[in-house]
Amino acid sequence: MIKVNVSITTISAERFWDVRKPAPNIQISTNINVVNIDKKSDDSLEVPFVLTINYNPSIAQLSLKGIAYVQADKDEVEKIQKEYNEKKPPPPVILQSISNVAFVESILISRIMNVPPPIPLPTITDSKTAKAKPAERDYSA
């Protein structure tokens, strides 16, 4: 079983657009990079990462750096390290843990910076105006 603890070590945020100006239509791009996978002991790894969030047009830029501390069995640690050396991506549990923590922090930072959050917020539709569910198909003979 893999256990992952994620720690943010550096936060950088800059707003380029004047707060008093109305914001234009914005496209947001996010990128998570795993910098390296370092074996620290027989049952642990350190996985440094960088999350960058860019807004287009350039109204702001956010960057978070951190380290994921991974605990696992000796065999799993060796497998993860071997796959990384073969240029394969880390296991989904590591990437999911990193993205969960990093995106939650980036949402809080975007609120402080008064820019849109890097993930789409859910929209609530009025049940009266919602489209009717299409009739289900019957595949019986």
N, C-alpha and C. Protein backbone atom coordinates (compact mmCIF):
# COMPACT_ATOMS: atom_id res chain seq x y z
N MET A 1 0.84 -1.19 0.00
CA MET A 1 0.00 0.00 0.00
C MET A 1 0.88 1.25 0.00
N ILE A 2 0.52 2.20 -0.82
CA ILE A 2 1.27 3.45 -0.94
C ILE A 2 0.60 4.52 -0.09
N LYS A 3 1.41 5.20 0.73
CA LYS A 3 0.93 6.34 1.51
C LYS A 3 1.67 7.58 1.00
N VAL A 4 0.92 8.65 0.78
CA VAL A 4 1.51 9.86 0.22
C VAL A 4 1.15 11.05 1.10
N ASN A 5 2.15 11.81 1.53
CA ASN A 5 1.96 13.08 2.24
C ASN A 5 2.54 14.17 1.36
N VAL A 6 1.74 15.19 1.09
CA VAL A 6 2.16 16.26 0.19
C VAL A 6 2.39 17.53 0.99
N SER A 7 3.52 18.17 0.72
CA SER A 7 3.87 19.42 1.39
C SER A 7 4.20 20.48 0.35
N ILE A 8 3.59 21.66 0.49
CA ILE A 8 3.90 22.78 -0.39
C ILE A 8 5.07 23.53 0.23
N THR A 9 6.11 23.78 -0.57
CA THR A 9 7.31 24.46 -0.05
C THR A 9 7.44 25.89 -0.53
N THR A 10 6.92 26.20 -1.73
CA THR A 10 7.04 27.54 -2.28
C THR A 10 5.75 27.93 -2.99
N ILE A 11 5.31 29.16 -2.74
CA ILE A 11 4.14 29.70 -3.42
C ILE A 11 4.52 31.02 -4.05
N SER A 12 4.18 31.16 -5.33
CA SER A 12 4.43 32.41 -6.04
C SER A 12 3.16 32.79 -6.79
N ALA A 13 2.70 34.02 -6.59
CA ALA A 13 1.50 34.48 -7.28
C ALA A 13 1.68 35.94 -7.66
N GLU A 14 1.26 36.26 -8.89
CA GLU A 14 1.37 37.63 -9.36
C GLU A 14 0.16 37.97 -10.20
N ARG A 15 -0.43 39.12 -9.92
CA ARG A 15 -1.58 39.60 -10.68
C ARG A 15 -1.08 40.71 -11.60
N PHE A 16 -1.41 40.62 -12.89
CA PHE A 16 -0.97 41.60 -13.87
C PHE A 16 -2.09 42.57 -14.26
N TRP A 17 -3.33 42.13 -14.14
CA TRP A 17 -4.50 42.89 -14.58
C TRP A 17 -4.97 43.78 -13.44
N ASP A 18 -5.32 45.02 -13.74
CA ASP A 18 -5.81 45.95 -12.72
C ASP A 18 -7.13 45.44 -12.16
N VAL A 19 -7.26 45.46 -10.85
CA VAL A 19 -8.46 44.94 -10.17
C VAL A 19 -9.69 45.75 -10.58
N ARG A 20 -9.52 47.03 -10.87
CA ARG A 20 -10.66 47.89 -11.19
C ARG A 20 -11.19 47.66 -12.61
N LYS A 21 -10.38 47.05 -13.46
CA LYS A 21 -10.82 46.75 -14.84
C LYS A 21 -11.65 45.48 -14.85
N PRO A 22 -12.68 45.44 -15.69
CA PRO A 22 -13.43 44.18 -15.80
C PRO A 22 -12.56 43.12 -16.47
N ALA A 23 -12.67 41.91 -15.99
CA ALA A 23 -11.87 40.82 -16.55
C ALA A 23 -12.46 40.36 -17.87
N PRO A 24 -11.62 40.12 -18.87
CA PRO A 24 -12.12 39.62 -20.16
C PRO A 24 -12.42 38.12 -20.07
N ASN A 25 -12.87 37.53 -21.16
CA ASN A 25 -13.01 36.08 -21.19
C ASN A 25 -11.63 35.47 -21.01
N ILE A 26 -11.55 34.47 -20.16
CA ILE A 26 -10.25 33.95 -19.75
C ILE A 26 -10.15 32.47 -20.06
N GLN A 27 -8.98 32.07 -20.51
CA GLN A 27 -8.63 30.65 -20.61
C GLN A 27 -7.55 30.39 -19.56
N ILE A 28 -7.69 29.29 -18.85
CA ILE A 28 -6.75 28.96 -17.79
C ILE A 28 -6.07 27.65 -18.15
N SER A 29 -4.74 27.65 -18.11
CA SER A 29 -4.01 26.41 -18.36
C SER A 29 -3.25 26.03 -17.10
N THR A 30 -3.30 24.74 -16.78
CA THR A 30 -2.61 24.23 -15.60
C THR A 30 -1.63 23.14 -16.04
N ASN A 31 -0.54 23.04 -15.30
CA ASN A 31 0.47 22.06 -15.63
C ASN A 31 1.14 21.58 -14.34
N ILE A 32 1.12 20.27 -14.12
CA ILE A 32 1.84 19.69 -12.98
C ILE A 32 3.02 18.91 -13.53
N ASN A 33 4.20 19.25 -13.07
CA ASN A 33 5.42 18.55 -13.47
C ASN A 33 6.04 17.84 -12.27
N VAL A 34 6.28 16.55 -12.42
CA VAL A 34 7.05 15.82 -11.42
C VAL A 34 8.51 16.01 -11.81
N VAL A 35 9.27 16.64 -10.94
CA VAL A 35 10.65 17.01 -11.26
C VAL A 35 11.58 15.80 -11.20
N ASN A 36 11.38 14.96 -10.19
CA ASN A 36 12.27 13.82 -9.98
C ASN A 36 11.58 12.85 -9.02
N ILE A 37 12.12 11.65 -8.95
CA ILE A 37 11.72 10.71 -7.90
C ILE A 37 13.00 10.24 -7.23
N ASP A 38 13.17 10.64 -5.96
CA ASP A 38 14.38 10.33 -5.21
C ASP A 38 14.09 9.24 -4.18
N LYS A 39 14.85 8.17 -4.23
CA LYS A 39 14.72 7.11 -3.23
C LYS A 39 15.50 7.55 -1.99
N LYS A 40 14.81 7.64 -0.85
CA LYS A 40 15.44 8.08 0.39
C LYS A 40 15.81 6.92 1.29
N SER A 41 15.03 5.85 1.24
CA SER A 41 15.35 4.64 2.00
C SER A 41 14.67 3.48 1.28
N ASP A 42 14.77 2.29 1.85
CA ASP A 42 14.17 1.12 1.21
C ASP A 42 12.66 1.23 1.05
N ASP A 43 12.01 2.03 1.92
CA ASP A 43 10.55 2.10 1.87
C ASP A 43 10.02 3.52 1.68
N SER A 44 10.87 4.46 1.22
CA SER A 44 10.38 5.82 1.05
C SER A 44 11.01 6.51 -0.16
N LEU A 45 10.20 7.41 -0.73
CA LEU A 45 10.61 8.22 -1.87
C LEU A 45 10.24 9.67 -1.60
N GLU A 46 10.97 10.59 -2.23
CA GLU A 46 10.58 11.99 -2.26
C GLU A 46 10.33 12.36 -3.71
N VAL A 47 9.18 12.99 -3.96
CA VAL A 47 8.78 13.34 -5.31
C VAL A 47 8.55 14.85 -5.38
N PRO A 48 9.57 15.63 -5.79
CA PRO A 48 9.36 17.07 -5.93
C PRO A 48 8.51 17.37 -7.17
N PHE A 49 7.68 18.41 -7.07
CA PHE A 49 6.77 18.75 -8.16
C PHE A 49 6.61 20.26 -8.25
N VAL A 50 6.09 20.70 -9.41
CA VAL A 50 5.78 22.11 -9.65
C VAL A 50 4.41 22.18 -10.33
N LEU A 51 3.53 23.02 -9.80
CA LEU A 51 2.25 23.30 -10.42
C LEU A 51 2.30 24.74 -10.92
N THR A 52 2.04 24.95 -12.21
CA THR A 52 1.96 26.30 -12.75
C THR A 52 0.57 26.51 -13.34
N ILE A 53 0.05 27.70 -13.10
CA ILE A 53 -1.26 28.08 -13.60
C ILE A 53 -1.10 29.40 -14.34
N ASN A 54 -1.45 29.39 -15.63
CA ASN A 54 -1.35 30.58 -16.46
C ASN A 54 -2.73 30.98 -16.95
N TYR A 55 -2.97 32.27 -16.97
CA TYR A 55 -4.23 32.83 -17.46
C TYR A 55 -3.97 33.50 -18.80
N ASN A 56 -4.92 33.31 -19.75
CA ASN A 56 -4.78 33.95 -21.04
C ASN A 56 -6.09 34.67 -21.36
N PRO A 57 -6.11 35.99 -21.55
CA PRO A 57 -4.98 36.91 -21.54
C PRO A 57 -4.30 36.93 -20.17
N SER A 58 -3.11 37.42 -20.17
CA SER A 58 -2.24 37.34 -19.01
C SER A 58 -2.73 38.25 -17.88
N ILE A 59 -3.66 37.74 -17.07
CA ILE A 59 -4.13 38.54 -15.93
C ILE A 59 -3.41 38.15 -14.64
N ALA A 60 -2.90 36.91 -14.60
CA ALA A 60 -2.19 36.45 -13.40
C ALA A 60 -1.40 35.19 -13.72
N GLN A 61 -0.50 34.86 -12.80
CA GLN A 61 0.25 33.62 -12.89
C GLN A 61 0.47 33.10 -11.47
N LEU A 62 0.22 31.80 -11.27
CA LEU A 62 0.42 31.17 -9.98
C LEU A 62 1.40 30.02 -10.15
N SER A 63 2.24 29.80 -9.14
CA SER A 63 3.18 28.69 -9.18
C SER A 63 3.32 28.13 -7.77
N LEU A 64 3.22 26.82 -7.65
CA LEU A 64 3.40 26.15 -6.36
C LEU A 64 4.45 25.06 -6.55
N LYS A 65 5.38 24.99 -5.62
CA LYS A 65 6.38 23.93 -5.61
C LYS A 65 6.21 23.15 -4.32
N GLY A 66 6.49 21.87 -4.38
CA GLY A 66 6.36 21.06 -3.18
C GLY A 66 7.02 19.72 -3.33
N ILE A 67 6.84 18.91 -2.30
CA ILE A 67 7.40 17.57 -2.27
C ILE A 67 6.33 16.61 -1.77
N ALA A 68 6.20 15.49 -2.47
CA ALA A 68 5.32 14.41 -2.02
C ALA A 68 6.23 13.37 -1.36
N TYR A 69 5.93 13.05 -0.11
CA TYR A 69 6.68 12.03 0.63
C TYR A 69 5.90 10.72 0.52
N VAL A 70 6.52 9.72 -0.10
CA VAL A 70 5.85 8.47 -0.41
C VAL A 70 6.42 7.35 0.46
N GLN A 71 5.53 6.62 1.13
CA GLN A 71 5.89 5.44 1.91
C GLN A 71 5.25 4.23 1.25
N ALA A 72 6.04 3.19 1.03
CA ALA A 72 5.51 1.98 0.41
C ALA A 72 6.42 0.80 0.75
N ASP A 73 5.98 -0.39 0.35
CA ASP A 73 6.82 -1.58 0.53
C ASP A 73 8.09 -1.43 -0.31
N LYS A 74 9.12 -2.16 0.10
CA LYS A 74 10.39 -2.10 -0.60
C LYS A 74 10.22 -2.44 -2.09
N ASP A 75 9.43 -3.46 -2.39
CA ASP A 75 9.22 -3.86 -3.78
C ASP A 75 8.53 -2.77 -4.59
N GLU A 76 7.51 -2.13 -3.97
CA GLU A 76 6.79 -1.07 -4.67
C GLU A 76 7.68 0.14 -4.92
N VAL A 77 8.52 0.48 -3.94
CA VAL A 77 9.45 1.60 -4.09
C VAL A 77 10.39 1.34 -5.25
N GLU A 78 10.93 0.14 -5.31
CA GLU A 78 11.84 -0.21 -6.41
C GLU A 78 11.12 -0.18 -7.74
N LYS A 79 9.87 -0.65 -7.79
CA LYS A 79 9.09 -0.64 -9.02
C LYS A 79 8.82 0.79 -9.49
N ILE A 80 8.44 1.67 -8.57
CA ILE A 80 8.18 3.07 -8.91
C ILE A 80 9.45 3.73 -9.45
N GLN A 81 10.56 3.49 -8.75
CA GLN A 81 11.84 4.08 -9.17
C GLN A 81 12.26 3.55 -10.54
N LYS A 82 12.10 2.25 -10.76
CA LYS A 82 12.47 1.64 -12.05
C LYS A 82 11.62 2.21 -13.18
N GLU A 83 10.30 2.31 -12.96
CA GLU A 83 9.42 2.85 -13.99
C GLU A 83 9.73 4.31 -14.29
N TYR A 84 10.09 5.07 -13.26
CA TYR A 84 10.45 6.47 -13.48
C TYR A 84 11.72 6.56 -14.34
N ASN A 85 12.70 5.69 -14.05
CA ASN A 85 13.93 5.68 -14.84
C ASN A 85 13.67 5.28 -16.29
N GLU A 86 12.59 4.53 -16.53
CA GLU A 86 12.20 4.14 -17.89
C GLU A 86 11.28 5.18 -18.53
N LYS A 87 11.18 6.35 -17.91
CA LYS A 87 10.38 7.48 -18.42
C LYS A 87 8.87 7.21 -18.39
N LYS A 88 8.43 6.34 -17.50
CA LYS A 88 7.00 6.09 -17.33
C LYS A 88 6.47 7.02 -16.24
N PRO A 89 5.18 7.38 -16.30
CA PRO A 89 4.64 8.29 -15.29
C PRO A 89 4.53 7.60 -13.92
N PRO A 90 4.52 8.41 -12.86
CA PRO A 90 4.34 7.85 -11.51
C PRO A 90 2.96 7.22 -11.37
N PRO A 91 2.77 6.37 -10.36
CA PRO A 91 1.46 5.76 -10.14
C PRO A 91 0.37 6.82 -9.94
N PRO A 92 -0.85 6.53 -10.37
CA PRO A 92 -1.94 7.50 -10.24
C PRO A 92 -2.16 8.00 -8.81
N VAL A 93 -1.95 7.15 -7.81
CA VAL A 93 -2.19 7.59 -6.43
C VAL A 93 -1.25 8.74 -6.05
N ILE A 94 -0.04 8.73 -6.56
CA ILE A 94 0.91 9.82 -6.27
C ILE A 94 0.47 11.08 -6.99
N LEU A 95 0.17 10.97 -8.28
CA LEU A 95 -0.26 12.15 -9.04
C LEU A 95 -1.58 12.72 -8.50
N GLN A 96 -2.50 11.85 -8.12
CA GLN A 96 -3.79 12.31 -7.59
C GLN A 96 -3.60 13.04 -6.26
N SER A 97 -2.74 12.52 -5.41
CA SER A 97 -2.48 13.18 -4.12
C SER A 97 -1.86 14.55 -4.32
N ILE A 98 -0.89 14.62 -5.23
CA ILE A 98 -0.24 15.90 -5.53
C ILE A 98 -1.26 16.89 -6.08
N SER A 99 -2.04 16.47 -7.06
CA SER A 99 -2.98 17.41 -7.68
C SER A 99 -4.07 17.83 -6.71
N ASN A 100 -4.55 16.93 -5.85
CA ASN A 100 -5.58 17.31 -4.87
C ASN A 100 -5.09 18.43 -3.97
N VAL A 101 -3.92 18.26 -3.38
CA VAL A 101 -3.40 19.27 -2.46
C VAL A 101 -3.07 20.56 -3.20
N ALA A 102 -2.38 20.44 -4.33
CA ALA A 102 -1.94 21.63 -5.06
C ALA A 102 -3.12 22.44 -5.58
N PHE A 103 -4.16 21.78 -6.10
CA PHE A 103 -5.31 22.53 -6.62
C PHE A 103 -6.12 23.18 -5.51
N VAL A 104 -6.26 22.53 -4.38
CA VAL A 104 -6.98 23.16 -3.26
C VAL A 104 -6.24 24.43 -2.82
N GLU A 105 -4.93 24.34 -2.71
CA GLU A 105 -4.14 25.52 -2.33
C GLU A 105 -4.23 26.61 -3.39
N SER A 106 -4.21 26.22 -4.66
CA SER A 106 -4.27 27.22 -5.73
C SER A 106 -5.62 27.93 -5.76
N ILE A 107 -6.69 27.23 -5.38
CA ILE A 107 -8.00 27.87 -5.31
C ILE A 107 -7.99 28.95 -4.23
N LEU A 108 -7.41 28.64 -3.08
CA LEU A 108 -7.32 29.63 -2.00
C LEU A 108 -6.48 30.83 -2.42
N ILE A 109 -5.38 30.57 -3.11
CA ILE A 109 -4.50 31.66 -3.56
C ILE A 109 -5.22 32.51 -4.60
N SER A 110 -5.95 31.88 -5.52
CA SER A 110 -6.67 32.65 -6.53
C SER A 110 -7.72 33.56 -5.88
N ARG A 111 -8.30 33.10 -4.82
CA ARG A 111 -9.27 33.94 -4.10
C ARG A 111 -8.57 35.15 -3.49
N ILE A 112 -7.43 34.94 -2.90
CA ILE A 112 -6.65 36.05 -2.31
C ILE A 112 -6.25 37.04 -3.39
N MET A 113 -5.86 36.54 -4.56
CA MET A 113 -5.40 37.38 -5.66
C MET A 113 -6.55 38.00 -6.45
N ASN A 114 -7.78 37.60 -6.14
CA ASN A 114 -8.98 38.09 -6.80
C ASN A 114 -8.95 37.78 -8.31
N VAL A 115 -8.63 36.53 -8.62
CA VAL A 115 -8.67 36.03 -9.99
C VAL A 115 -9.54 34.77 -10.01
N PRO A 116 -10.04 34.37 -11.17
CA PRO A 116 -10.87 33.17 -11.22
C PRO A 116 -10.10 31.93 -10.76
N PRO A 117 -10.79 30.98 -10.14
CA PRO A 117 -10.12 29.76 -9.69
C PRO A 117 -9.66 28.92 -10.88
N PRO A 118 -8.62 28.11 -10.70
CA PRO A 118 -8.07 27.35 -11.82
C PRO A 118 -8.89 26.13 -12.24
N ILE A 119 -9.97 25.85 -11.53
CA ILE A 119 -10.84 24.75 -11.93
C ILE A 119 -12.25 25.30 -12.08
N PRO A 120 -13.04 24.75 -12.99
CA PRO A 120 -14.39 25.28 -13.18
C PRO A 120 -15.26 25.00 -11.96
N LEU A 121 -16.02 26.01 -11.58
CA LEU A 121 -16.94 25.84 -10.47
C LEU A 121 -18.22 25.17 -10.98
N PRO A 122 -18.86 24.37 -10.15
CA PRO A 122 -20.09 23.72 -10.61
C PRO A 122 -21.19 24.74 -10.83
N THR A 123 -22.03 24.47 -11.81
CA THR A 123 -23.17 25.35 -12.06
C THR A 123 -24.44 24.60 -11.68
N ILE A 124 -25.34 25.32 -11.08
CA ILE A 124 -26.60 24.73 -10.65
C ILE A 124 -27.67 25.16 -11.64
N THR A 125 -28.33 24.18 -12.22
CA THR A 125 -29.39 24.50 -13.18
C THR A 125 -30.74 24.42 -12.50
N ASP A 126 -31.63 25.23 -12.97
CA ASP A 126 -33.00 25.23 -12.46
C ASP A 126 -33.68 23.96 -12.96
N SER A 127 -34.28 23.19 -12.07
CA SER A 127 -34.89 21.92 -12.47
C SER A 127 -36.03 22.12 -13.45
N LYS A 128 -36.67 23.28 -13.42
CA LYS A 128 -37.78 23.54 -14.32
C LYS A 128 -37.29 23.76 -15.76
N THR A 129 -36.10 24.33 -15.89
CA THR A 129 -35.59 24.62 -17.23
C THR A 129 -34.61 23.56 -17.72
N ALA A 130 -34.34 22.56 -16.90
CA ALA A 130 -33.43 21.50 -17.33
C ALA A 130 -34.05 20.71 -18.47
N LYS A 131 -33.22 20.25 -19.36
CA LYS A 131 -33.71 19.49 -20.50
C LYS A 131 -34.28 18.15 -20.03
N ALA A 132 -35.29 17.72 -20.71
CA ALA A 132 -35.90 16.43 -20.38
C ALA A 132 -34.92 15.31 -20.75
N LYS A 133 -34.90 14.31 -19.92
CA LYS A 133 -34.01 13.18 -20.18
C LYS A 133 -34.51 12.41 -21.41
N PRO A 134 -33.62 12.13 -22.35
CA PRO A 134 -34.07 11.40 -23.54
C PRO A 134 -34.55 10.00 -23.16
N ALA A 135 -35.47 9.49 -23.95
CA ALA A 135 -36.01 8.16 -23.70
C ALA A 135 -34.88 7.15 -23.81
N GLU A 136 -34.89 6.18 -22.91
CA GLU A 136 -33.85 5.15 -22.94
C GLU A 136 -34.13 4.21 -24.10
N ARG A 137 -33.07 3.71 -24.66
CA ARG A 137 -33.19 2.80 -25.79
C ARG A 137 -33.43 1.38 -25.29
N ASP A 138 -34.19 0.68 -26.05
CA ASP A 138 -34.47 -0.72 -25.73
C ASP A 138 -33.75 -1.59 -26.74
N TYR A 139 -32.79 -2.37 -26.23
CA TYR A 139 -32.01 -3.21 -27.11
C TYR A 139 -32.49 -4.67 -27.12
N SER A 140 -33.67 -4.91 -26.59
CA SER A 140 -34.16 -6.29 -26.56
C SER A 140 -34.67 -6.70 -27.94
N ALA A 141 -34.61 -8.00 -28.20
CA ALA A 141 -35.04 -8.51 -29.52
C ALA A 141 -36.49 -8.90 -29.50
